[in-house]
Amino acid sequence: MAMTLRIPEELDRQLEEIAAAEHVSKHTLLLQAAQQIVDRRERRAQIAGAVDFVLSHDAVLLERLADA
């Protein structure tokens, strides 16, 4: 899918520096950043699901520990 992205000059300059240091294109750098955002969101959802599971399945144990 094609997309046009308008980047402020200062951010563009910073991206150029990072891309040069990483030996990748700005395009690749932005794709990596987008993937990290998606991965982070998925990881947070997994963690929230795990916490909900523990709280619901171990509620009695957690209550006993709190009272100890």
PDB file of N, CA and C in Angstrom:
ATOM      1  N   MET A   1       0.841  -1.172   0.000  1.00  0.00           N
ATOM      2  CA  MET A   1       0.000   0.000   0.000  1.00  0.00           C
ATOM      3  C   MET A   1       0.888   1.237   0.000  1.00  0.00           C
ATOM      4  N   ALA A   2       0.628   2.144  -0.878  1.00  0.00           N
ATOM      5  CA  ALA A   2       1.404   3.380  -0.959  1.00  0.00           C
ATOM      6  C   ALA A   2       0.855   4.404   0.028  1.00  0.00           C
ATOM      7  N   MET A   3       1.772   5.198   0.586  1.00  0.00           N
ATOM      8  CA  MET A   3       1.374   6.217   1.542  1.00  0.00           C
ATOM      9  C   MET A   3       2.354   7.377   1.438  1.00  0.00           C
ATOM     10  N   THR A   4       1.828   8.573   1.534  1.00  0.00           N
ATOM     11  CA  THR A   4       2.678   9.752   1.597  1.00  0.00           C
ATOM     12  C   THR A   4       2.725  10.201   3.044  1.00  0.00           C
ATOM     13  N   LEU A   5       3.918  10.456   3.525  1.00  0.00           N
ATOM     14  CA  LEU A   5       4.093  10.850   4.917  1.00  0.00           C
ATOM     15  C   LEU A   5       4.843  12.168   4.959  1.00  0.00           C
ATOM     16  N   ARG A   6       4.243  13.164   5.559  1.00  0.00           N
ATOM     17  CA  ARG A   6       4.903  14.464   5.695  1.00  0.00           C
ATOM     18  C   ARG A   6       5.539  14.524   7.082  1.00  0.00           C
ATOM     19  N   ILE A   7       6.853  14.666   7.092  1.00  0.00           N
ATOM     20  CA  ILE A   7       7.613  14.645   8.335  1.00  0.00           C
ATOM     21  C   ILE A   7       8.194  16.032   8.578  1.00  0.00           C
ATOM     22  N   PRO A   8       8.035  16.570   9.784  1.00  0.00           N
ATOM     23  CA  PRO A   8       8.653  17.861  10.091  1.00  0.00           C
ATOM     24  C   PRO A   8      10.168  17.802   9.850  1.00  0.00           C
ATOM     25  N   GLU A   9      10.730  18.940   9.459  1.00  0.00           N
ATOM     26  CA  GLU A   9      12.145  18.992   9.081  1.00  0.00           C
ATOM     27  C   GLU A   9      13.074  18.446  10.156  1.00  0.00           C
ATOM     28  N   GLU A  10      12.872  18.844  11.390  1.00  0.00           N
ATOM     29  CA  GLU A  10      13.761  18.403  12.470  1.00  0.00           C
ATOM     30  C   GLU A  10      13.691  16.886  12.652  1.00  0.00           C
ATOM     31  N   LEU A  11      12.494  16.350  12.632  1.00  0.00           N
ATOM     32  CA  LEU A  11      12.338  14.900  12.756  1.00  0.00           C
ATOM     33  C   LEU A  11      12.971  14.190  11.563  1.00  0.00           C
ATOM     34  N   ASP A  12      12.806  14.746  10.381  1.00  0.00           N
ATOM     35  CA  ASP A  12      13.409  14.163   9.182  1.00  0.00           C
ATOM     36  C   ASP A  12      14.932  14.135   9.309  1.00  0.00           C
ATOM     37  N   ARG A  13      15.500  15.207   9.821  1.00  0.00           N
ATOM     38  CA  ARG A  13      16.948  15.261  10.012  1.00  0.00           C
ATOM     39  C   ARG A  13      17.400  14.195  11.003  1.00  0.00           C
ATOM     40  N   GLN A  14      16.661  14.065  12.093  1.00  0.00           N
ATOM     41  CA  GLN A  14      16.997  13.054  13.095  1.00  0.00           C
ATOM     42  C   GLN A  14      16.882  11.645  12.518  1.00  0.00           C
ATOM     43  N   LEU A  15      15.852  11.413  11.730  1.00  0.00           N
ATOM     44  CA  LEU A  15      15.689  10.104  11.095  1.00  0.00           C
ATOM     45  C   LEU A  15      16.824   9.815  10.122  1.00  0.00           C
ATOM     46  N   GLU A  16      17.256  10.837   9.385  1.00  0.00           N
ATOM     47  CA  GLU A  16      18.394  10.676   8.466  1.00  0.00           C
ATOM     48  C   GLU A  16      19.635  10.229   9.236  1.00  0.00           C
ATOM     49  N   GLU A  17      19.893  10.875  10.368  1.00  0.00           N
ATOM     50  CA  GLU A  17      21.062  10.537  11.182  1.00  0.00           C
ATOM     51  C   GLU A  17      20.978   9.099  11.704  1.00  0.00           C
ATOM     52  N   ILE A  18      19.820   8.734  12.207  1.00  0.00           N
ATOM     53  CA  ILE A  18      19.649   7.383  12.741  1.00  0.00           C
ATOM     54  C   ILE A  18      19.769   6.350  11.628  1.00  0.00           C
ATOM     55  N   ALA A  19      19.132   6.617  10.509  1.00  0.00           N
ATOM     56  CA  ALA A  19      19.183   5.684   9.379  1.00  0.00           C
ATOM     57  C   ALA A  19      20.621   5.496   8.905  1.00  0.00           C
ATOM     58  N   ALA A  20      21.366   6.578   8.837  1.00  0.00           N
ATOM     59  CA  ALA A  20      22.766   6.483   8.411  1.00  0.00           C
ATOM     60  C   ALA A  20      23.580   5.671   9.419  1.00  0.00           C
ATOM     61  N   ALA A  21      23.347   5.915  10.696  1.00  0.00           N
ATOM     62  CA  ALA A  21      24.081   5.190  11.737  1.00  0.00           C
ATOM     63  C   ALA A  21      23.734   3.698  11.731  1.00  0.00           C
ATOM     64  N   GLU A  22      22.490   3.376  11.397  1.00  0.00           N
ATOM     65  CA  GLU A  22      22.031   1.982  11.383  1.00  0.00           C
ATOM     66  C   GLU A  22      22.259   1.311  10.027  1.00  0.00           C
ATOM     67  N   HIS A  23      22.703   2.096   9.053  1.00  0.00           N
ATOM     68  CA  HIS A  23      22.935   1.593   7.689  1.00  0.00           C
ATOM     69  C   HIS A  23      21.661   1.026   7.070  1.00  0.00           C
ATOM     70  N   VAL A  24      20.565   1.759   7.258  1.00  0.00           N
ATOM     71  CA  VAL A  24      19.283   1.396   6.654  1.00  0.00           C
ATOM     72  C   VAL A  24      18.663   2.653   6.048  1.00  0.00           C
ATOM     73  N   SER A  25      17.647   2.467   5.241  1.00  0.00           N
ATOM     74  CA  SER A  25      16.934   3.611   4.676  1.00  0.00           C
ATOM     75  C   SER A  25      15.953   4.161   5.714  1.00  0.00           C
ATOM     76  N   LYS A  26      15.504   5.390   5.491  1.00  0.00           N
ATOM     77  CA  LYS A  26      14.478   5.950   6.375  1.00  0.00           C
ATOM     78  C   LYS A  26      13.204   5.118   6.276  1.00  0.00           C
ATOM     79  N   HIS A  27      12.919   4.637   5.080  1.00  0.00           N
ATOM     80  CA  HIS A  27      11.749   3.786   4.875  1.00  0.00           C
ATOM     81  C   HIS A  27      11.816   2.565   5.799  1.00  0.00           C
ATOM     82  N   THR A  28      12.949   1.893   5.794  1.00  0.00           N
ATOM     83  CA  THR A  28      13.134   0.717   6.651  1.00  0.00           C
ATOM     84  C   THR A  28      13.038   1.100   8.118  1.00  0.00           C
ATOM     85  N   LEU A  29      13.639   2.210   8.475  1.00  0.00           N
ATOM     86  CA  LEU A  29      13.606   2.684   9.853  1.00  0.00           C
ATOM     87  C   LEU A  29      12.166   2.923  10.311  1.00  0.00           C
ATOM     88  N   LEU A  30      11.362   3.566   9.469  1.00  0.00           N
ATOM     89  CA  LEU A  30       9.971   3.842   9.822  1.00  0.00           C
ATOM     90  C   LEU A  30       9.145   2.560   9.883  1.00  0.00           C
ATOM     91  N   LEU A  31       9.434   1.602   9.002  1.00  0.00           N
ATOM     92  CA  LEU A  31       8.743   0.311   9.077  1.00  0.00           C
ATOM     93  C   LEU A  31       9.080  -0.410  10.377  1.00  0.00           C
ATOM     94  N   GLN A  32      10.345  -0.356  10.779  1.00  0.00           N
ATOM     95  CA  GLN A  32      10.754  -0.984  12.036  1.00  0.00           C
ATOM     96  C   GLN A  32      10.044  -0.330  13.216  1.00  0.00           C
ATOM     97  N   ALA A  33       9.939   0.988  13.191  1.00  0.00           N
ATOM     98  CA  ALA A  33       9.267   1.706  14.278  1.00  0.00           C
ATOM     99  C   ALA A  33       7.787   1.343  14.332  1.00  0.00           C
ATOM    100  N   ALA A  34       7.143   1.263  13.172  1.00  0.00           N
ATOM    101  CA  ALA A  34       5.729   0.887  13.131  1.00  0.00           C
ATOM    102  C   ALA A  34       5.537  -0.526  13.674  1.00  0.00           C
ATOM    103  N   GLN A  35       6.427  -1.438  13.310  1.00  0.00           N
ATOM    104  CA  GLN A  35       6.329  -2.815  13.797  1.00  0.00           C
ATOM    105  C   GLN A  35       6.512  -2.874  15.309  1.00  0.00           C
ATOM    106  N   GLN A  36       7.414  -2.057  15.836  1.00  0.00           N
ATOM    107  CA  GLN A  36       7.621  -2.021  17.286  1.00  0.00           C
ATOM    108  C   GLN A  36       6.366  -1.542  18.007  1.00  0.00           C
ATOM    109  N   ILE A  37       5.668  -0.579  17.419  1.00  0.00           N
ATOM    110  CA  ILE A  37       4.427  -0.084  18.019  1.00  0.00           C
ATOM    111  C   ILE A  37       3.388  -1.198  18.061  1.00  0.00           C
ATOM    112  N   VAL A  38       3.242  -1.921  16.956  1.00  0.00           N
ATOM    113  CA  VAL A  38       2.291  -3.034  16.893  1.00  0.00           C
ATOM    114  C   VAL A  38       2.677  -4.116  17.896  1.00  0.00           C
ATOM    115  N   ASP A  39       3.956  -4.474  17.932  1.00  0.00           N
ATOM    116  CA  ASP A  39       4.435  -5.510  18.855  1.00  0.00           C
ATOM    117  C   ASP A  39       4.199  -5.116  20.307  1.00  0.00           C
ATOM    118  N   ARG A  40       4.479  -3.852  20.637  1.00  0.00           N
ATOM    119  CA  ARG A  40       4.294  -3.377  22.011  1.00  0.00           C
ATOM    120  C   ARG A  40       2.823  -3.449  22.409  1.00  0.00           C
ATOM    121  N   ARG A  41       1.944  -3.059  21.493  1.00  0.00           N
ATOM    122  CA  ARG A  41       0.508  -3.101  21.781  1.00  0.00           C
ATOM    123  C   ARG A  41       0.046  -4.542  22.008  1.00  0.00           C
ATOM    124  N   GLU A  42       0.513  -5.462  21.163  1.00  0.00           N
ATOM    125  CA  GLU A  42       0.150  -6.869  21.324  1.00  0.00           C
ATOM    126  C   GLU A  42       0.684  -7.424  22.640  1.00  0.00           C
ATOM    127  N   ARG A  43       1.904  -7.049  22.991  1.00  0.00           N
ATOM    128  CA  ARG A  43       2.510  -7.537  24.242  1.00  0.00           C
ATOM    129  C   ARG A  43       1.730  -7.029  25.451  1.00  0.00           C
ATOM    130  N   ARG A  44       1.327  -5.760  25.411  1.00  0.00           N
ATOM    131  CA  ARG A  44       0.536  -5.213  26.518  1.00  0.00           C
ATOM    132  C   ARG A  44      -0.786  -5.957  26.659  1.00  0.00           C
ATOM    133  N   ALA A  45      -1.407  -6.292  25.538  1.00  0.00           N
ATOM    134  CA  ALA A  45      -2.667  -7.040  25.571  1.00  0.00           C
ATOM    135  C   ALA A  45      -2.444  -8.433  26.156  1.00  0.00           C
ATOM    136  N   GLN A  46      -1.335  -9.076  25.800  1.00  0.00           N
ATOM    137  CA  GLN A  46      -1.017 -10.395  26.359  1.00  0.00           C
ATOM    138  C   GLN A  46      -0.820 -10.312  27.865  1.00  0.00           C
ATOM    139  N   ILE A  47      -0.098  -9.300  28.307  1.00  0.00           N
ATOM    140  CA  ILE A  47       0.160  -9.135  29.741  1.00  0.00           C
ATOM    141  C   ILE A  47      -1.140  -8.860  30.485  1.00  0.00           C
ATOM    142  N   ALA A  48      -1.977  -7.989  29.931  1.00  0.00           N
ATOM    143  CA  ALA A  48      -3.260  -7.691  30.570  1.00  0.00           C
ATOM    144  C   ALA A  48      -4.115  -8.950  30.660  1.00  0.00           C
ATOM    145  N   GLY A  49      -4.106  -9.753  29.609  1.00  0.00           N
ATOM    146  CA  GLY A  49      -4.855 -11.011  29.630  1.00  0.00           C
ATOM    147  C   GLY A  49      -4.324 -11.967  30.676  1.00  0.00           C
ATOM    148  N   ALA A  50      -3.005 -12.039  30.808  1.00  0.00           N
ATOM    149  CA  ALA A  50      -2.394 -12.919  31.805  1.00  0.00           C
ATOM    150  C   ALA A  50      -2.736 -12.457  33.216  1.00  0.00           C
ATOM    151  N   VAL A  51      -2.695 -11.160  33.449  1.00  0.00           N
ATOM    152  CA  VAL A  51      -3.042 -10.624  34.768  1.00  0.00           C
ATOM    153  C   VAL A  51      -4.508 -10.920  35.082  1.00  0.00           C
ATOM    154  N   ASP A  52      -5.390 -10.697  34.108  1.00  0.00           N
ATOM    155  CA  ASP A  52      -6.811 -10.998  34.315  1.00  0.00           C
ATOM    156  C   ASP A  52      -7.016 -12.477  34.633  1.00  0.00           C
ATOM    157  N   PHE A  53      -6.289 -13.347  33.930  1.00  0.00           N
ATOM    158  CA  PHE A  53      -6.392 -14.791  34.172  1.00  0.00           C
ATOM    159  C   PHE A  53      -5.982 -15.130  35.599  1.00  0.00           C
ATOM    160  N   VAL A  54      -4.847 -14.602  36.021  1.00  0.00           N
ATOM    161  CA  VAL A  54      -4.359 -14.883  37.379  1.00  0.00           C
ATOM    162  C   VAL A  54      -5.337 -14.349  38.413  1.00  0.00           C
ATOM    163  N   LEU A  55      -5.812 -13.129  38.214  1.00  0.00           N
ATOM    164  CA  LEU A  55      -6.736 -12.544  39.186  1.00  0.00           C
ATOM    165  C   LEU A  55      -8.032 -13.339  39.279  1.00  0.00           C
ATOM    166  N   SER A  56      -8.516 -13.854  38.164  1.00  0.00           N
ATOM    167  CA  SER A  56      -9.780 -14.595  38.201  1.00  0.00           C
ATOM    168  C   SER A  56      -9.594 -16.037  38.676  1.00  0.00           C
ATOM    169  N   HIS A  57      -8.496 -16.672  38.323  1.00  0.00           N
ATOM    170  CA  HIS A  57      -8.298 -18.078  38.682  1.00  0.00           C
ATOM    171  C   HIS A  57      -7.638 -18.271  40.049  1.00  0.00           C
ATOM    172  N   ASP A  58      -6.963 -17.270  40.521  1.00  0.00           N
ATOM    173  CA  ASP A  58      -6.271 -17.384  41.809  1.00  0.00           C
ATOM    174  C   ASP A  58      -6.784 -16.363  42.817  1.00  0.00           C
ATOM    175  N   ALA A  59      -8.029 -15.945  42.671  1.00  0.00           N
ATOM    176  CA  ALA A  59      -8.589 -14.914  43.540  1.00  0.00           C
ATOM    177  C   ALA A  59      -8.559 -15.333  45.003  1.00  0.00           C
ATOM    178  N   VAL A  60      -8.915 -16.579  45.282  1.00  0.00           N
ATOM    179  CA  VAL A  60      -8.941 -17.060  46.673  1.00  0.00           C
ATOM    180  C   VAL A  60      -7.534 -17.053  47.254  1.00  0.00           C
ATOM    181  N   LEU A  61      -6.580 -17.551  46.496  1.00  0.00           N
ATOM    182  CA  LEU A  61      -5.191 -17.573  46.958  1.00  0.00           C
ATOM    183  C   LEU A  61      -4.681 -16.155  47.203  1.00  0.00           C
ATOM    184  N   LEU A  62      -4.965 -15.258  46.293  1.00  0.00           N
ATOM    185  CA  LEU A  62      -4.512 -13.875  46.458  1.00  0.00           C
ATOM    186  C   LEU A  62      -5.151 -13.227  47.681  1.00  0.00           C
ATOM    187  N   GLU A  63      -6.403 -13.552  47.932  1.00  0.00           N
ATOM    188  CA  GLU A  63      -7.083 -13.019  49.116  1.00  0.00           C
ATOM    189  C   GLU A  63      -6.441 -13.559  50.389  1.00  0.00           C
ATOM    190  N   ARG A  64      -6.114 -14.852  50.397  1.00  0.00           N
ATOM    191  CA  ARG A  64      -5.453 -15.444  51.567  1.00  0.00           C
ATOM    192  C   ARG A  64      -4.078 -14.825  51.787  1.00  0.00           C
ATOM    193  N   LEU A  65      -3.351 -14.587  50.724  1.00  0.00           N
ATOM    194  CA  LEU A  65      -2.034 -13.954  50.849  1.00  0.00           C
ATOM    195  C   LEU A  65      -2.153 -12.531  51.383  1.00  0.00           C
ATOM    196  N   ALA A  66      -3.179 -11.827  50.952  1.00  0.00           N
ATOM    197  CA  ALA A  66      -3.378 -10.458  51.421  1.00  0.00           C
ATOM    198  C   ALA A  66      -3.709 -10.430  52.911  1.00  0.00           C
ATOM    199  N   ASP A  67      -4.410 -11.455  53.384  1.00  0.00           N
ATOM    200  CA  ASP A  67      -4.800 -11.524  54.795  1.00  0.00           C
ATOM    201  C   ASP A  67      -3.682 -12.050  55.688  1.00  0.00           C
ATOM    202  N   ALA A  68      -2.654 -12.633  55.113  1.00  0.00           N
ATOM    203  CA  ALA A  68      -1.578 -13.255  55.901  1.00  0.00           C
ATOM    204  C   ALA A  68      -0.691 -12.226  56.557  1.00  0.00           C
TER     205      ALA A  68
END
